[in-house]
Amino acid sequence: MSGGFDAGVRLFGSVPKDMIAVPLARPLTFTCVASPAYFDRLGKPETPEELQRHRCIGHRMPSGKLYRWEFERAGQELAIDADGPIVLDDEELMVEAARQEKPN
């Protein structure tokens, strides 16, 4: 490799096309969550598309890219940009921010 590395660890979607990818673990599963008070005020989204009208917490990847929320049902894949008031790069901070969410 041109950077002087023999191997690297990356999320599958961020592997450059000229590299060989070998899975190291089972695929990750993300879960959409919100506080009960948030759902009481704004309702629970029934579809991924409905997330676009909610106050979602964005996730910045180590590469600097914003994570596009990925969904799959019955073999159909969907990725959406869920905009919100905050973008974080740490999962624990994301959970804490969701707990601290205040009304508009």
PDB file of N, CA and C in Angstrom:
ATOM      1  N   MET A   1       0.832  -1.176   0.000  1.00  0.00           N
ATOM      2  CA  MET A   1       0.000   0.000   0.000  1.00  0.00           C
ATOM      3  C   MET A   1       0.876   1.238   0.000  1.00  0.00           C
ATOM      4  N   SER A   2       0.399   2.281  -0.582  1.00  0.00           N
ATOM      5  CA  SER A   2       1.208   3.483  -0.721  1.00  0.00           C
ATOM      6  C   SER A   2       1.467   4.184   0.604  1.00  0.00           C
ATOM      7  N   GLY A   3       0.600   4.019   1.615  1.00  0.00           N
ATOM      8  CA  GLY A   3       0.786   4.675   2.900  1.00  0.00           C
ATOM      9  C   GLY A   3       1.749   3.947   3.821  1.00  0.00           C
ATOM     10  N   GLY A   4       2.291   2.810   3.394  1.00  0.00           N
ATOM     11  CA  GLY A   4       3.225   2.066   4.212  1.00  0.00           C
ATOM     12  C   GLY A   4       2.574   1.107   5.184  1.00  0.00           C
ATOM     13  N   PHE A   5       1.280   0.867   5.051  1.00  0.00           N
ATOM     14  CA  PHE A   5       0.577  -0.051   5.943  1.00  0.00           C
ATOM     15  C   PHE A   5       0.313  -1.369   5.226  1.00  0.00           C
ATOM     16  N   ASP A   6       0.343  -2.466   5.981  1.00  0.00           N
ATOM     17  CA  ASP A   6       0.023  -3.780   5.426  1.00  0.00           C
ATOM     18  C   ASP A   6      -1.447  -4.117   5.610  1.00  0.00           C
ATOM     19  N   ALA A   7      -2.100  -3.521   6.635  1.00  0.00           N
ATOM     20  CA  ALA A   7      -3.507  -3.811   6.916  1.00  0.00           C
ATOM     21  C   ALA A   7      -4.112  -2.633   7.647  1.00  0.00           C
ATOM     22  N   GLY A   8      -5.421  -2.556   7.614  1.00  0.00           N
ATOM     23  CA  GLY A   8      -6.151  -1.517   8.324  1.00  0.00           C
ATOM     24  C   GLY A   8      -7.529  -2.032   8.686  1.00  0.00           C
ATOM     25  N   VAL A   9      -8.160  -1.418   9.662  1.00  0.00           N
ATOM     26  CA  VAL A   9      -9.509  -1.791  10.082  1.00  0.00           C
ATOM     27  C   VAL A   9     -10.436  -0.623   9.786  1.00  0.00           C
ATOM     28  N   ARG A  10     -11.504  -0.908   9.044  1.00  0.00           N
ATOM     29  CA  ARG A  10     -12.466   0.122   8.654  1.00  0.00           C
ATOM     30  C   ARG A  10     -13.862  -0.462   8.640  1.00  0.00           C
ATOM     31  N   LEU A  11     -14.848   0.420   8.720  1.00  0.00           N
ATOM     32  CA  LEU A  11     -16.217  -0.024   8.499  1.00  0.00           C
ATOM     33  C   LEU A  11     -16.348  -0.417   7.044  1.00  0.00           C
ATOM     34  N   PHE A  12     -17.183  -1.414   6.761  1.00  0.00           N
ATOM     35  CA  PHE A  12     -17.252  -1.977   5.420  1.00  0.00           C
ATOM     36  C   PHE A  12     -17.517  -0.924   4.344  1.00  0.00           C
ATOM     37  N   GLY A  13     -18.429  -0.012   4.580  1.00  0.00           N
ATOM     38  CA  GLY A  13     -18.779   0.974   3.565  1.00  0.00           C
ATOM     39  C   GLY A  13     -17.689   1.987   3.277  1.00  0.00           C
ATOM     40  N   SER A  14     -16.636   2.014   4.093  1.00  0.00           N
ATOM     41  CA  SER A  14     -15.570   2.995   3.883  1.00  0.00           C
ATOM     42  C   SER A  14     -14.291   2.380   3.322  1.00  0.00           C
ATOM     43  N   VAL A  15     -14.364   1.158   2.823  1.00  0.00           N
ATOM     44  CA  VAL A  15     -13.190   0.496   2.249  1.00  0.00           C
ATOM     45  C   VAL A  15     -13.023   0.945   0.796  1.00  0.00           C
ATOM     46  N   PRO A  16     -11.869   1.528   0.452  1.00  0.00           N
ATOM     47  CA  PRO A  16     -11.648   1.936  -0.938  1.00  0.00           C
ATOM     48  C   PRO A  16     -11.758   0.745  -1.893  1.00  0.00           C
ATOM     49  N   LYS A  17     -12.201   1.016  -3.110  1.00  0.00           N
ATOM     50  CA  LYS A  17     -12.465  -0.048  -4.073  1.00  0.00           C
ATOM     51  C   LYS A  17     -11.218  -0.848  -4.446  1.00  0.00           C
ATOM     52  N   ASP A  18     -10.020  -0.260  -4.304  1.00  0.00           N
ATOM     53  CA  ASP A  18      -8.808  -0.979  -4.685  1.00  0.00           C
ATOM     54  C   ASP A  18      -8.233  -1.824  -3.543  1.00  0.00           C
ATOM     55  N   MET A  19      -8.972  -1.946  -2.427  1.00  0.00           N
ATOM     56  CA  MET A  19      -8.505  -2.745  -1.303  1.00  0.00           C
ATOM     57  C   MET A  19      -9.324  -4.029  -1.188  1.00  0.00           C
ATOM     58  N   ILE A  20      -8.745  -5.026  -0.584  1.00  0.00           N
ATOM     59  CA  ILE A  20      -9.430  -6.294  -0.331  1.00  0.00           C
ATOM     60  C   ILE A  20     -10.006  -6.237   1.082  1.00  0.00           C
ATOM     61  N   ALA A  21     -11.305  -6.531   1.216  1.00  0.00           N
ATOM     62  CA  ALA A  21     -11.967  -6.485   2.518  1.00  0.00           C
ATOM     63  C   ALA A  21     -12.211  -7.898   3.034  1.00  0.00           C
ATOM     64  N   VAL A  22     -11.860  -8.123   4.294  1.00  0.00           N
ATOM     65  CA  VAL A  22     -12.103  -9.398   4.966  1.00  0.00           C
ATOM     66  C   VAL A  22     -12.838  -9.080   6.263  1.00  0.00           C
ATOM     67  N   PRO A  23     -14.064  -9.604   6.446  1.00  0.00           N
ATOM     68  CA  PRO A  23     -14.803  -9.299   7.677  1.00  0.00           C
ATOM     69  C   PRO A  23     -14.089  -9.841   8.913  1.00  0.00           C
ATOM     70  N   LEU A  24     -14.061  -9.044   9.977  1.00  0.00           N
ATOM     71  CA  LEU A  24     -13.448  -9.465  11.235  1.00  0.00           C
ATOM     72  C   LEU A  24     -14.488  -9.860  12.276  1.00  0.00           C
ATOM     73  N   ALA A  25     -15.730  -9.458  12.074  1.00  0.00           N
ATOM     74  CA  ALA A  25     -16.790  -9.732  13.042  1.00  0.00           C
ATOM     75  C   ALA A  25     -18.131  -9.748  12.330  1.00  0.00           C
ATOM     76  N   ARG A  26     -19.175 -10.082  13.074  1.00  0.00           N
ATOM     77  CA  ARG A  26     -20.521 -10.033  12.508  1.00  0.00           C
ATOM     78  C   ARG A  26     -20.864  -8.590  12.164  1.00  0.00           C
ATOM     79  N   PRO A  27     -21.785  -8.385  11.226  1.00  0.00           N
ATOM     80  CA  PRO A  27     -22.202  -7.020  10.897  1.00  0.00           C
ATOM     81  C   PRO A  27     -22.787  -6.313  12.117  1.00  0.00           C
ATOM     82  N   LEU A  28     -22.530  -5.013  12.214  1.00  0.00           N
ATOM     83  CA  LEU A  28     -23.079  -4.201  13.300  1.00  0.00           C
ATOM     84  C   LEU A  28     -24.543  -3.892  13.037  1.00  0.00           C
ATOM     85  N   THR A  29     -25.308  -3.787  14.102  1.00  0.00           N
ATOM     86  CA  THR A  29     -26.694  -3.386  13.995  1.00  0.00           C
ATOM     87  C   THR A  29     -26.884  -2.137  14.838  1.00  0.00           C
ATOM     88  N   PHE A  30     -27.426  -1.090  14.239  1.00  0.00           N
ATOM     89  CA  PHE A  30     -27.725   0.138  14.956  1.00  0.00           C
ATOM     90  C   PHE A  30     -29.207   0.151  15.292  1.00  0.00           C
ATOM     91  N   THR A  31     -29.553   0.850  16.343  1.00  0.00           N
ATOM     92  CA  THR A  31     -30.938   0.955  16.774  1.00  0.00           C
ATOM     93  C   THR A  31     -31.315   2.419  16.909  1.00  0.00           C
ATOM     94  N   CYS A  32     -32.495   2.767  16.457  1.00  0.00           N
ATOM     95  CA  CYS A  32     -33.016   4.124  16.633  1.00  0.00           C
ATOM     96  C   CYS A  32     -33.718   4.183  17.978  1.00  0.00           C
ATOM     97  N   VAL A  33     -33.356   5.151  18.801  1.00  0.00           N
ATOM     98  CA  VAL A  33     -33.951   5.281  20.127  1.00  0.00           C
ATOM     99  C   VAL A  33     -34.312   6.734  20.399  1.00  0.00           C
ATOM    100  N   ALA A  34     -35.214   6.918  21.349  1.00  0.00           N
ATOM    101  CA  ALA A  34     -35.575   8.253  21.837  1.00  0.00           C
ATOM    102  C   ALA A  34     -36.140   8.080  23.236  1.00  0.00           C
ATOM    103  N   SER A  35     -36.165   9.153  23.973  1.00  0.00           N
ATOM    104  CA  SER A  35     -36.737   9.084  25.310  1.00  0.00           C
ATOM    105  C   SER A  35     -38.255   8.956  25.221  1.00  0.00           C
ATOM    106  N   PRO A  36     -38.882   8.346  26.222  1.00  0.00           N
ATOM    107  CA  PRO A  36     -40.349   8.271  26.220  1.00  0.00           C
ATOM    108  C   PRO A  36     -41.006   9.654  26.132  1.00  0.00           C
ATOM    109  N   ALA A  37     -40.416  10.648  26.792  1.00  0.00           N
ATOM    110  CA  ALA A  37     -40.988  12.005  26.746  1.00  0.00           C
ATOM    111  C   ALA A  37     -40.956  12.566  25.323  1.00  0.00           C
ATOM    112  N   TYR A  38     -39.880  12.281  24.596  1.00  0.00           N
ATOM    113  CA  TYR A  38     -39.794  12.744  23.205  1.00  0.00           C
ATOM    114  C   TYR A  38     -40.909  12.126  22.369  1.00  0.00           C
ATOM    115  N   PHE A  39     -41.084  10.818  22.498  1.00  0.00           N
ATOM    116  CA  PHE A  39     -42.147  10.147  21.734  1.00  0.00           C
ATOM    117  C   PHE A  39     -43.528  10.639  22.159  1.00  0.00           C
ATOM    118  N   ASP A  40     -43.715  10.945  23.447  1.00  0.00           N
ATOM    119  CA  ASP A  40     -45.000  11.479  23.901  1.00  0.00           C
ATOM    120  C   ASP A  40     -45.312  12.806  23.211  1.00  0.00           C
ATOM    121  N   ARG A  41     -44.287  13.651  23.026  1.00  0.00           N
ATOM    122  CA  ARG A  41     -44.479  14.966  22.406  1.00  0.00           C
ATOM    123  C   ARG A  41     -44.625  14.895  20.899  1.00  0.00           C
ATOM    124  N   LEU A  42     -43.765  14.111  20.249  1.00  0.00           N
ATOM    125  CA  LEU A  42     -43.692  14.156  18.781  1.00  0.00           C
ATOM    126  C   LEU A  42     -44.153  12.887  18.086  1.00  0.00           C
ATOM    127  N   GLY A  43     -44.467  11.854  18.841  1.00  0.00           N
ATOM    128  CA  GLY A  43     -44.916  10.599  18.253  1.00  0.00           C
ATOM    129  C   GLY A  43     -43.759   9.753  17.766  1.00  0.00           C
ATOM    130  N   LYS A  44     -44.043   8.475  17.579  1.00  0.00           N
ATOM    131  CA  LYS A  44     -43.034   7.542  17.079  1.00  0.00           C
ATOM    132  C   LYS A  44     -43.106   7.486  15.567  1.00  0.00           C
ATOM    133  N   PRO A  45     -41.972   7.599  14.897  1.00  0.00           N
ATOM    134  CA  PRO A  45     -41.986   7.450  13.442  1.00  0.00           C
ATOM    135  C   PRO A  45     -42.358   6.022  13.053  1.00  0.00           C
ATOM    136  N   GLU A  46     -43.186   5.880  12.052  1.00  0.00           N
ATOM    137  CA  GLU A  46     -43.611   4.563  11.586  1.00  0.00           C
ATOM    138  C   GLU A  46     -42.728   4.042  10.458  1.00  0.00           C
ATOM    139  N   THR A  47     -42.056   4.938   9.751  1.00  0.00           N
ATOM    140  CA  THR A  47     -41.186   4.563   8.636  1.00  0.00           C
ATOM    141  C   THR A  47     -39.865   5.327   8.752  1.00  0.00           C
ATOM    142  N   PRO A  48     -38.791   4.833   8.151  1.00  0.00           N
ATOM    143  CA  PRO A  48     -37.531   5.583   8.166  1.00  0.00           C
ATOM    144  C   PRO A  48     -37.669   6.991   7.578  1.00  0.00           C
ATOM    145  N   GLU A  49     -38.491   7.146   6.554  1.00  0.00           N
ATOM    146  CA  GLU A  49     -38.650   8.469   5.932  1.00  0.00           C
ATOM    147  C   GLU A  49     -39.196   9.496   6.926  1.00  0.00           C
ATOM    148  N   GLU A  50     -40.010   9.045   7.879  1.00  0.00           N
ATOM    149  CA  GLU A  50     -40.577   9.958   8.874  1.00  0.00           C
ATOM    150  C   GLU A  50     -39.513  10.527   9.810  1.00  0.00           C
ATOM    151  N   LEU A  51     -38.341   9.898   9.878  1.00  0.00           N
ATOM    152  CA  LEU A  51     -37.267  10.426  10.720  1.00  0.00           C
ATOM    153  C   LEU A  51     -36.821  11.808  10.263  1.00  0.00           C
ATOM    154  N   GLN A  52     -37.061  12.136   9.011  1.00  0.00           N
ATOM    155  CA  GLN A  52     -36.619  13.423   8.486  1.00  0.00           C
ATOM    156  C   GLN A  52     -37.381  14.591   9.097  1.00  0.00           C
ATOM    157  N   ARG A  53     -38.481  14.336   9.781  1.00  0.00           N
ATOM    158  CA  ARG A  53     -39.198  15.416  10.470  1.00  0.00           C
ATOM    159  C   ARG A  53     -38.945  15.384  11.984  1.00  0.00           C
ATOM    160  N   HIS A  54     -38.004  14.554  12.407  1.00  0.00           N
ATOM    161  CA  HIS A  54     -37.669  14.450  13.828  1.00  0.00           C
ATOM    162  C   HIS A  54     -36.312  15.089  14.104  1.00  0.00           C
ATOM    163  N   ARG A  55     -36.028  15.323  15.390  1.00  0.00           N
ATOM    164  CA  ARG A  55     -34.779  15.946  15.839  1.00  0.00           C
ATOM    165  C   ARG A  55     -33.725  14.863  16.068  1.00  0.00           C
ATOM    166  N   CYS A  56     -33.157  14.367  14.982  1.00  0.00           N
ATOM    167  CA  CYS A  56     -32.204  13.262  15.043  1.00  0.00           C
ATOM    168  C   CYS A  56     -30.804  13.754  15.411  1.00  0.00           C
ATOM    169  N   ILE A  57     -30.057  12.896  16.059  1.00  0.00           N
ATOM    170  CA  ILE A  57     -28.660  13.175  16.398  1.00  0.00           C
ATOM    171  C   ILE A  57     -27.797  12.575  15.299  1.00  0.00           C
ATOM    172  N   GLY A  58     -27.030  13.409  14.634  1.00  0.00           N
ATOM    173  CA  GLY A  58     -26.160  12.940  13.566  1.00  0.00           C
ATOM    174  C   GLY A  58     -24.916  12.265  14.112  1.00  0.00           C
ATOM    175  N   HIS A  59     -24.351  11.361  13.318  1.00  0.00           N
ATOM    176  CA  HIS A  59     -23.146  10.634  13.716  1.00  0.00           C
ATOM    177  C   HIS A  59     -22.033  10.934  12.706  1.00  0.00           C
ATOM    178  N   ARG A  60     -20.962  11.561  13.193  1.00  0.00           N
ATOM    179  CA  ARG A  60     -19.803  11.822  12.333  1.00  0.00           C
ATOM    180  C   ARG A  60     -18.854  10.642  12.426  1.00  0.00           C
ATOM    181  N   MET A  61     -18.515  10.095  11.275  1.00  0.00           N
ATOM    182  CA  MET A  61     -17.628   8.938  11.204  1.00  0.00           C
ATOM    183  C   MET A  61     -16.177   9.390  11.412  1.00  0.00           C
ATOM    184  N   PRO A  62     -15.275   8.458  11.757  1.00  0.00           N
ATOM    185  CA  PRO A  62     -13.862   8.828  11.932  1.00  0.00           C
ATOM    186  C   PRO A  62     -13.263   9.495  10.695  1.00  0.00           C
ATOM    187  N   SER A  63     -13.784   9.191   9.520  1.00  0.00           N
ATOM    188  CA  SER A  63     -13.284   9.804   8.289  1.00  0.00           C
ATOM    189  C   SER A  63     -13.718  11.261   8.150  1.00  0.00           C
ATOM    190  N   GLY A  64     -14.667  11.689   8.996  1.00  0.00           N
ATOM    191  CA  GLY A  64     -15.218  13.035   8.890  1.00  0.00           C
ATOM    192  C   GLY A  64     -16.565  13.073   8.182  1.00  0.00           C
ATOM    193  N   LYS A  65     -16.897  11.995   7.476  1.00  0.00           N
ATOM    194  CA  LYS A  65     -18.184  11.937   6.777  1.00  0.00           C
ATOM    195  C   LYS A  65     -19.314  11.793   7.772  1.00  0.00           C
ATOM    196  N   LEU A  66     -20.485  12.341   7.403  1.00  0.00           N
ATOM    197  CA  LEU A  66     -21.681  12.129   8.201  1.00  0.00           C
ATOM    198  C   LEU A  66     -22.291  10.790   7.837  1.00  0.00           C
ATOM    199  N   TYR A  67     -22.682  10.037   8.851  1.00  0.00           N
ATOM    200  CA  TYR A  67     -23.299   8.737   8.631  1.00  0.00           C
ATOM    201  C   TYR A  67     -24.691   8.918   8.050  1.00  0.00           C
ATOM    202  N   ARG A  68     -24.978   8.185   6.988  1.00  0.00           N
ATOM    203  CA  ARG A  68     -26.340   8.128   6.425  1.00  0.00           C
ATOM    204  C   ARG A  68     -27.030   6.956   7.091  1.00  0.00           C
ATOM    205  N   TRP A  69     -28.174   7.205   7.685  1.00  0.00           N
ATOM    206  CA  TRP A  69     -28.892   6.167   8.406  1.00  0.00           C
ATOM    207  C   TRP A  69     -29.330   5.095   7.423  1.00  0.00           C
ATOM    208  N   GLU A  70     -28.955   3.856   7.711  1.00  0.00           N
ATOM    209  CA  GLU A  70     -29.215   2.732   6.804  1.00  0.00           C
ATOM    210  C   GLU A  70     -30.283   1.819   7.386  1.00  0.00           C
ATOM    211  N   PHE A  71     -31.217   1.438   6.536  1.00  0.00           N
ATOM    212  CA  PHE A  71     -32.298   0.543   6.932  1.00  0.00           C
ATOM    213  C   PHE A  71     -32.424  -0.563   5.896  1.00  0.00           C
ATOM    214  N   GLU A  72     -32.941  -1.701   6.350  1.00  0.00           N
ATOM    215  CA  GLU A  72     -33.193  -2.815   5.433  1.00  0.00           C
ATOM    216  C   GLU A  72     -34.430  -3.563   5.913  1.00  0.00           C
ATOM    217  N   ARG A  73     -35.301  -3.891   4.969  1.00  0.00           N
ATOM    218  CA  ARG A  73     -36.465  -4.721   5.267  1.00  0.00           C
ATOM    219  C   ARG A  73     -36.753  -5.570   4.043  1.00  0.00           C
ATOM    220  N   ALA A  74     -36.862  -6.850   4.258  1.00  0.00           N
ATOM    221  CA  ALA A  74     -37.181  -7.797   3.184  1.00  0.00           C
ATOM    222  C   ALA A  74     -36.234  -7.631   1.996  1.00  0.00           C
ATOM    223  N   GLY A  75     -34.952  -7.419   2.279  1.00  0.00           N
ATOM    224  CA  GLY A  75     -33.960  -7.298   1.217  1.00  0.00           C
ATOM    225  C   GLY A  75     -33.875  -5.935   0.554  1.00  0.00           C
ATOM    226  N   GLN A  76     -34.758  -5.016   0.912  1.00  0.00           N
ATOM    227  CA  GLN A  76     -34.733  -3.658   0.351  1.00  0.00           C
ATOM    228  C   GLN A  76     -33.908  -2.759   1.266  1.00  0.00           C
ATOM    229  N   GLU A  77     -32.933  -2.064   0.684  1.00  0.00           N
ATOM    230  CA  GLU A  77     -32.084  -1.168   1.460  1.00  0.00           C
ATOM    231  C   GLU A  77     -32.488   0.276   1.231  1.00  0.00           C
ATOM    232  N   LEU A  78     -32.340   1.084   2.275  1.00  0.00           N
ATOM    233  CA  LEU A  78     -32.678   2.503   2.215  1.00  0.00           C
ATOM    234  C   LEU A  78     -31.678   3.255   3.074  1.00  0.00           C
ATOM    235  N   ALA A  79     -31.140   4.353   2.581  1.00  0.00           N
ATOM    236  CA  ALA A  79     -30.254   5.218   3.358  1.00  0.00           C
ATOM    237  C   ALA A  79     -30.836   6.622   3.325  1.00  0.00           C
ATOM    238  N   ILE A  80     -30.925   7.249   4.494  1.00  0.00           N
ATOM    239  CA  ILE A  80     -31.473   8.601   4.561  1.00  0.00           C
ATOM    240  C   ILE A  80     -30.532   9.515   5.325  1.00  0.00           C
ATOM    241  N   ASP A  81     -30.627  10.791   5.029  1.00  0.00           N
ATOM    242  CA  ASP A  81     -29.936  11.818   5.784  1.00  0.00           C
ATOM    243  C   ASP A  81     -30.921  12.335   6.819  1.00  0.00           C
ATOM    244  N   ALA A  82     -30.694  12.000   8.074  1.00  0.00           N
ATOM    245  CA  ALA A  82     -31.588  12.430   9.146  1.00  0.00           C
ATOM    246  C   ALA A  82     -30.981  13.660   9.799  1.00  0.00           C
ATOM    247  N   ASP A  83     -31.490  14.819   9.448  1.00  0.00           N
ATOM    248  CA  ASP A  83     -30.953  16.073   9.975  1.00  0.00           C
ATOM    249  C   ASP A  83     -31.414  16.304  11.404  1.00  0.00           C
ATOM    250  N   GLY A  84     -30.618  17.028  12.139  1.00  0.00           N
ATOM    251  CA  GLY A  84     -30.987  17.342  13.513  1.00  0.00           C
ATOM    252  C   GLY A  84     -30.131  18.467  14.055  1.00  0.00           C
ATOM    253  N   PRO A  85     -30.345  18.798  15.318  1.00  0.00           N
ATOM    254  CA  PRO A  85     -29.678  19.953  15.906  1.00  0.00           C
ATOM    255  C   PRO A  85     -28.238  19.711  16.343  1.00  0.00           C
ATOM    256  N   ILE A  86     -27.791  18.449  16.321  1.00  0.00           N
ATOM    257  CA  ILE A  86     -26.455  18.154  16.830  1.00  0.00           C
ATOM    258  C   ILE A  86     -25.842  16.976  16.066  1.00  0.00           C
ATOM    259  N   VAL A  87     -24.519  17.020  15.897  1.00  0.00           N
ATOM    260  CA  VAL A  87     -23.767  15.931  15.274  1.00  0.00           C
ATOM    261  C   VAL A  87     -22.637  15.569  16.235  1.00  0.00           C
ATOM    262  N   LEU A  88     -22.527  14.282  16.562  1.00  0.00           N
ATOM    263  CA  LEU A  88     -21.508  13.814  17.500  1.00  0.00           C
ATOM    264  C   LEU A  88     -20.733  12.649  16.901  1.00  0.00           C
ATOM    265  N   ASP A  89     -19.558  12.383  17.482  1.00  0.00           N
ATOM    266  CA  ASP A  89     -18.747  11.268  16.995  1.00  0.00           C
ATOM    267  C   ASP A  89     -18.509  10.222  18.083  1.00  0.00           C
ATOM    268  N   ASP A  90     -19.294  10.263  19.136  1.00  0.00           N
ATOM    269  CA  ASP A  90     -19.120   9.347  20.258  1.00  0.00           C
ATOM    270  C   ASP A  90     -20.490   8.807  20.665  1.00  0.00           C
ATOM    271  N   GLU A  91     -20.629   7.477  20.671  1.00  0.00           N
ATOM    272  CA  GLU A  91     -21.924   6.856  20.939  1.00  0.00           C
ATOM    273  C   GLU A  91     -22.433   7.157  22.342  1.00  0.00           C
ATOM    274  N   GLU A  92     -21.554   7.196  23.345  1.00  0.00           N
ATOM    275  CA  GLU A  92     -22.001   7.504  24.705  1.00  0.00           C
ATOM    276  C   GLU A  92     -22.543   8.924  24.791  1.00  0.00           C
ATOM    277  N   LEU A  93     -21.891   9.868  24.118  1.00  0.00           N
ATOM    278  CA  LEU A  93     -22.400  11.239  24.089  1.00  0.00           C
ATOM    279  C   LEU A  93     -23.736  11.320  23.360  1.00  0.00           C
ATOM    280  N   MET A  94     -23.899  10.490  22.329  1.00  0.00           N
ATOM    281  CA  MET A  94     -25.162  10.474  21.590  1.00  0.00           C
ATOM    282  C   MET A  94     -26.305  10.027  22.500  1.00  0.00           C
ATOM    283  N   VAL A  95     -26.065   8.997  23.300  1.00  0.00           N
ATOM    284  CA  VAL A  95     -27.089   8.517  24.228  1.00  0.00           C
ATOM    285  C   VAL A  95     -27.399   9.594  25.258  1.00  0.00           C
ATOM    286  N   GLU A  96     -26.360  10.231  25.803  1.00  0.00           N
ATOM    287  CA  GLU A  96     -26.576  11.289  26.797  1.00  0.00           C
ATOM    288  C   GLU A  96     -27.339  12.465  26.188  1.00  0.00           C
ATOM    289  N   ALA A  97     -27.029  12.832  24.962  1.00  0.00           N
ATOM    290  CA  ALA A  97     -27.741  13.927  24.295  1.00  0.00           C
ATOM    291  C   ALA A  97     -29.217  13.572  24.108  1.00  0.00           C
ATOM    292  N   ALA A  98     -29.495  12.325  23.769  1.00  0.00           N
ATOM    293  CA  ALA A  98     -30.886  11.899  23.614  1.00  0.00           C
ATOM    294  C   ALA A  98     -31.621  11.977  24.951  1.00  0.00           C
ATOM    295  N   ARG A  99     -30.954  11.628  26.009  1.00  0.00           N
ATOM    296  CA  ARG A  99     -31.572  11.708  27.342  1.00  0.00           C
ATOM    297  C   ARG A  99     -31.855  13.149  27.750  1.00  0.00           C
ATOM    298  N   GLN A 100     -31.012  14.067  27.304  1.00  0.00           N
ATOM    299  CA  GLN A 100     -31.130  15.476  27.712  1.00  0.00           C
ATOM    300  C   GLN A 100     -31.988  16.298  26.770  1.00  0.00           C
ATOM    301  N   GLU A 101     -32.544  15.698  25.729  1.00  0.00           N
ATOM    302  CA  GLU A 101     -33.310  16.433  24.708  1.00  0.00           C
ATOM    303  C   GLU A 101     -34.407  17.244  25.356  1.00  0.00           C
ATOM    304  N   LYS A 102     -34.476  18.513  24.960  1.00  0.00           N
ATOM    305  CA  LYS A 102     -35.485  19.445  25.464  1.00  0.00           C
ATOM    306  C   LYS A 102     -36.439  19.835  24.340  1.00  0.00           C
ATOM    307  N   PRO A 103     -37.651  20.231  24.687  1.00  0.00           N
ATOM    308  CA  PRO A 103     -38.588  20.682  23.645  1.00  0.00           C
ATOM    309  C   PRO A 103     -38.072  21.913  22.927  1.00  0.00           C
ATOM    310  N   ASN A 104     -38.562  22.121  21.701  1.00  0.00           N
ATOM    311  CA  ASN A 104     -38.182  23.323  20.925  1.00  0.00           C
ATOM    312  C   ASN A 104     -38.585  24.578  21.640  1.00  0.00           C
TER     313      ASN A 104
END
